[in-house]
Amino acid sequence: MKKLIIGIFCLFVITITAILLYEKSVNNDPLSIIKPKIIIDNIKCNSDKNKNSIDDLDDIVIGARQDAINRTK
């Protein structure tokens, strides 16, 4: 009986750990658990050629992200 309880507890711990690790890897790179996080400073500029209240550098980043999502060539 004692071995059964220990086995069930170990299975429970493994299941919870697997769920937490899977949840983290679904949203990011699967190796994000062991890779360090990279932080990049945001550079601001005063230029806004299309007058949409988003500076031009942020416009470029937004466009690049959209292209990556759409996988355009």
Protein backbone atom coordinates (compact mmCIF):
# COMPACT_ATOMS: atom_id res chain seq x y z
CA MET A 1 0.00 0.00 0.00
CA LYS A 2 2.83 2.37 0.88
CA LYS A 3 4.56 1.72 -2.49
CA LEU A 4 1.31 2.43 -4.32
CA ILE A 5 0.89 5.82 -2.61
CA ILE A 6 4.53 6.74 -3.34
CA GLY A 7 4.09 5.67 -6.98
CA ILE A 8 0.92 7.72 -7.38
CA PHE A 9 2.60 10.74 -5.78
CA CYS A 10 5.64 10.43 -8.09
CA LEU A 11 3.36 10.14 -11.13
CA PHE A 12 1.45 13.22 -9.97
CA VAL A 13 4.65 15.25 -9.57
CA ILE A 14 5.95 14.16 -12.99
CA THR A 15 2.62 15.01 -14.63
CA ILE A 16 2.45 18.49 -13.08
CA THR A 17 6.08 19.18 -14.05
CA ALA A 18 5.46 18.04 -17.63
CA ILE A 19 2.35 20.24 -17.91
CA LEU A 20 4.20 23.30 -16.64
CA LEU A 21 7.17 22.75 -18.95
CA TYR A 22 4.91 22.09 -21.95
CA GLU A 23 2.90 25.25 -21.26
CA LYS A 24 6.09 27.30 -21.23
CA SER A 25 7.48 25.71 -24.40
CA VAL A 26 4.29 26.09 -26.45
CA ASN A 27 4.44 29.88 -26.40
CA ASN A 28 8.20 30.10 -26.92
CA ASP A 29 11.08 28.18 -28.31
CA PRO A 30 11.19 24.64 -26.83
CA LEU A 31 14.72 25.32 -25.60
CA SER A 32 13.67 28.51 -23.81
CA ILE A 33 13.88 26.67 -20.51
CA ILE A 34 17.67 26.38 -20.75
CA LYS A 35 18.51 29.42 -22.90
CA PRO A 36 19.03 32.80 -21.25
CA LYS A 37 16.55 35.54 -22.09
CA ILE A 38 17.90 38.28 -24.35
CA ILE A 39 16.88 41.84 -23.56
CA ILE A 40 17.32 44.45 -26.29
CA ASP A 41 17.06 48.16 -25.56
CA ASN A 42 14.41 50.06 -27.49
CA ILE A 43 15.80 52.95 -29.52
CA LYS A 44 13.46 55.88 -30.03
CA CYS A 45 13.66 58.40 -32.84
CA ASN A 46 11.76 61.60 -33.46
CA SER A 47 10.95 60.81 -37.08
CA ASP A 48 7.37 59.91 -38.07
CA LYS A 49 7.08 60.29 -41.84
CA ASN A 50 3.58 58.81 -42.19
CA LYS A 51 2.17 60.78 -39.21
CA ASN A 52 0.56 57.82 -37.46
CA SER A 53 2.05 58.71 -34.05
CA ILE A 54 4.35 55.65 -34.17
CA ASP A 55 7.99 56.50 -34.78
CA ASP A 56 9.61 55.09 -37.90
CA LEU A 57 11.84 52.58 -36.11
CA ASP A 58 8.84 51.04 -34.36
CA ASP A 59 7.00 50.97 -37.71
CA ILE A 60 9.85 48.90 -39.15
CA VAL A 61 9.75 46.47 -36.22
CA ILE A 62 5.96 46.11 -36.41
CA GLY A 63 6.17 45.45 -40.15
CA ALA A 64 8.92 42.87 -39.68
CA ARG A 65 6.89 41.06 -37.01
CA GLN A 66 3.85 41.03 -39.28
CA ASP A 67 5.95 39.64 -42.15
CA ALA A 68 7.31 36.93 -39.84
CA ILE A 69 3.78 35.99 -38.77
CA ASN A 70 2.55 35.94 -42.38
CA ARG A 71 5.78 34.28 -43.59
CA THR A 72 5.97 36.56 -46.60
CA LYS A 73 8.89 36.22 -48.99
